[in-house]
Amino acid sequence: MSKTKLAITFIVLQIVAVALYPPSFFDTAPQAAVLPPSILLLLLLALIGVNTGTLDPEAGVRSLNFVQGLNIIVRLMMFFPNLKLKTGQWDIALLIMQLVSIGLSWYLMVQFNNYPPSIYVFTKKEAR
């Protein structure tokens, strides 16, 4: 797989890991609707920082690692309090999506260390 395709795949997987919530979750916890956009904003800022030269690639990967770690922590904090519906039944959709998202974030954090940080730089450097 080429460097660009690999980076785009990782970026898409990061977005999926952050945005993976069942719609019914936001009915029971409307305040949680702020979480995915704010974490996606952090992800976007890290990618913009790497491609504008504000962050060097290593700092960008550390920032992406931070975002995925934050996603794991937030999901663990919301896991048990929201696992049962008001009817007393288990929210199986939330359970599955939380576990998949935590696993995906963990996988991405491991993969960040297996590839060079420069794969997230999409801009070409101008010759001086």
Protein backbone atom coordinates (compact mmCIF):
# COMPACT_ATOMS: atom_id res chain seq x y z
CA MET A 1 0.00 0.00 0.00
CA SER A 2 1.34 3.44 -0.87
CA LYS A 3 2.23 5.99 1.79
CA THR A 4 -0.71 8.24 0.92
CA LYS A 5 -3.28 5.43 0.86
CA LEU A 6 -2.00 4.12 4.19
CA ALA A 7 -2.23 7.57 5.78
CA ILE A 8 -5.74 8.13 4.42
CA THR A 9 -6.80 4.70 5.71
CA PHE A 10 -5.47 5.55 9.17
CA ILE A 11 -7.21 8.94 9.12
CA VAL A 12 -10.54 7.38 8.13
CA LEU A 13 -10.16 4.73 10.84
CA GLN A 14 -9.47 7.48 13.38
CA ILE A 15 -12.65 9.28 12.38
CA VAL A 16 -14.62 6.03 12.64
CA ALA A 17 -13.15 5.31 16.08
CA VAL A 18 -14.20 8.73 17.36
CA ALA A 19 -17.62 8.95 15.69
CA LEU A 20 -18.85 5.43 16.41
CA TYR A 21 -21.89 5.85 18.66
CA PRO A 22 -25.38 4.42 18.32
CA PRO A 23 -27.95 7.19 17.61
CA SER A 24 -30.00 6.07 20.62
CA PHE A 25 -27.11 7.03 22.90
CA PHE A 26 -27.61 10.72 22.16
CA ASP A 27 -31.30 10.43 23.08
CA THR A 28 -30.39 9.29 26.58
CA ALA A 29 -27.30 11.50 26.97
CA PRO A 30 -27.71 14.60 24.78
CA GLN A 31 -24.75 16.31 26.43
CA ALA A 32 -22.53 13.60 24.96
CA ALA A 33 -23.23 14.95 21.47
CA VAL A 34 -20.42 17.44 22.13
CA LEU A 35 -17.78 14.72 22.48
CA PRO A 36 -17.37 13.40 18.92
CA PRO A 37 -17.14 16.86 17.29
CA SER A 38 -14.66 18.14 19.87
CA ILE A 39 -12.43 15.06 19.57
CA LEU A 40 -12.67 15.27 15.76
CA LEU A 41 -11.63 18.93 16.01
CA LEU A 42 -8.50 17.90 17.95
CA LEU A 43 -7.77 15.27 15.28
CA LEU A 44 -8.20 17.85 12.52
CA LEU A 45 -5.98 20.38 14.30
CA ALA A 46 -3.19 17.81 14.62
CA LEU A 47 -3.38 16.94 10.93
CA ILE A 48 -3.47 20.61 9.91
CA GLY A 49 -0.53 21.34 12.21
CA VAL A 50 1.58 18.63 10.58
CA ASN A 51 0.75 19.76 7.06
CA THR A 52 1.28 23.48 7.67
CA GLY A 53 4.61 23.00 9.42
CA THR A 54 3.31 24.14 12.80
CA LEU A 55 4.02 20.67 14.19
CA ASP A 56 6.82 18.42 13.10
CA PRO A 57 5.64 14.93 12.06
CA GLU A 58 6.69 13.34 15.36
CA ALA A 59 4.73 15.89 17.38
CA GLY A 60 1.79 15.34 15.04
CA VAL A 61 1.83 11.60 15.67
CA ARG A 62 2.05 12.23 19.42
CA SER A 63 -0.98 14.52 19.08
CA LEU A 64 -2.90 11.86 17.14
CA ASN A 65 -1.92 9.34 19.83
CA PHE A 66 -3.24 11.75 22.46
CA VAL A 67 -6.55 12.11 20.62
CA GLN A 68 -7.03 8.34 20.40
CA GLY A 69 -6.03 7.92 24.05
CA LEU A 70 -8.54 10.61 24.99
CA ASN A 71 -11.17 8.75 22.99
CA ILE A 72 -10.44 5.56 24.96
CA ILE A 73 -10.60 7.35 28.31
CA VAL A 74 -13.87 9.13 27.48
CA ARG A 75 -15.46 5.90 26.33
CA LEU A 76 -14.34 4.04 29.45
CA MET A 77 -15.82 6.81 31.60
CA MET A 78 -19.15 6.54 29.77
CA PHE A 79 -19.15 2.76 29.51
CA PHE A 80 -20.70 1.52 32.75
CA PRO A 81 -23.05 4.42 33.58
CA ASN A 82 -24.76 4.15 30.19
CA LEU A 83 -24.70 0.39 29.70
CA LYS A 84 -28.25 -0.16 30.92
CA LEU A 85 -31.28 1.48 29.38
CA LYS A 86 -34.00 3.07 31.50
CA THR A 87 -36.05 -0.09 30.95
CA GLY A 88 -33.37 -2.09 32.75
CA GLN A 89 -32.22 -3.89 29.60
CA TRP A 90 -28.62 -3.89 28.42
CA ASP A 91 -27.81 -1.48 25.60
CA ILE A 92 -26.16 -4.05 23.33
CA ALA A 93 -25.59 -1.55 20.49
CA LEU A 94 -23.70 0.80 22.81
CA LEU A 95 -21.72 -2.09 24.30
CA ILE A 96 -20.60 -3.34 20.89
CA MET A 97 -19.81 0.12 19.51
CA GLN A 98 -17.87 1.15 22.61
CA LEU A 99 -15.76 -2.02 22.50
CA VAL A 100 -15.15 -1.70 18.75
CA SER A 101 -14.18 1.95 19.12
CA ILE A 102 -11.85 1.29 22.05
CA GLY A 103 -10.25 -1.58 20.14
CA LEU A 104 -9.88 0.52 17.00
CA SER A 105 -8.31 3.40 18.92
CA TRP A 106 -5.91 0.98 20.60
CA TYR A 107 -5.01 -0.57 17.23
CA LEU A 108 -4.33 2.87 15.75
CA MET A 109 -2.13 3.85 18.69
CA VAL A 110 -0.04 0.74 18.11
CA GLN A 111 0.13 1.37 14.35
CA PHE A 112 1.34 4.95 14.88
CA ASN A 113 4.57 3.45 16.22
CA ASN A 114 4.99 1.01 13.31
CA TYR A 115 5.14 3.61 10.52
CA PRO A 116 7.25 6.73 10.06
CA PRO A 117 5.52 9.94 11.19
CA SER A 118 6.11 11.48 7.77
CA ILE A 119 3.20 9.50 6.25
CA TYR A 120 0.81 12.17 7.58
CA VAL A 121 2.56 14.97 5.68
CA PHE A 122 0.63 15.52 2.45
CA THR A 123 2.16 18.84 1.44
CA LYS A 124 5.26 19.09 -0.70
CA LYS A 125 8.15 21.18 0.57
CA GLU A 126 9.17 24.00 -1.76
CA ALA A 127 12.78 24.17 -2.88
CA ARG A 128 14.55 27.30 -1.66
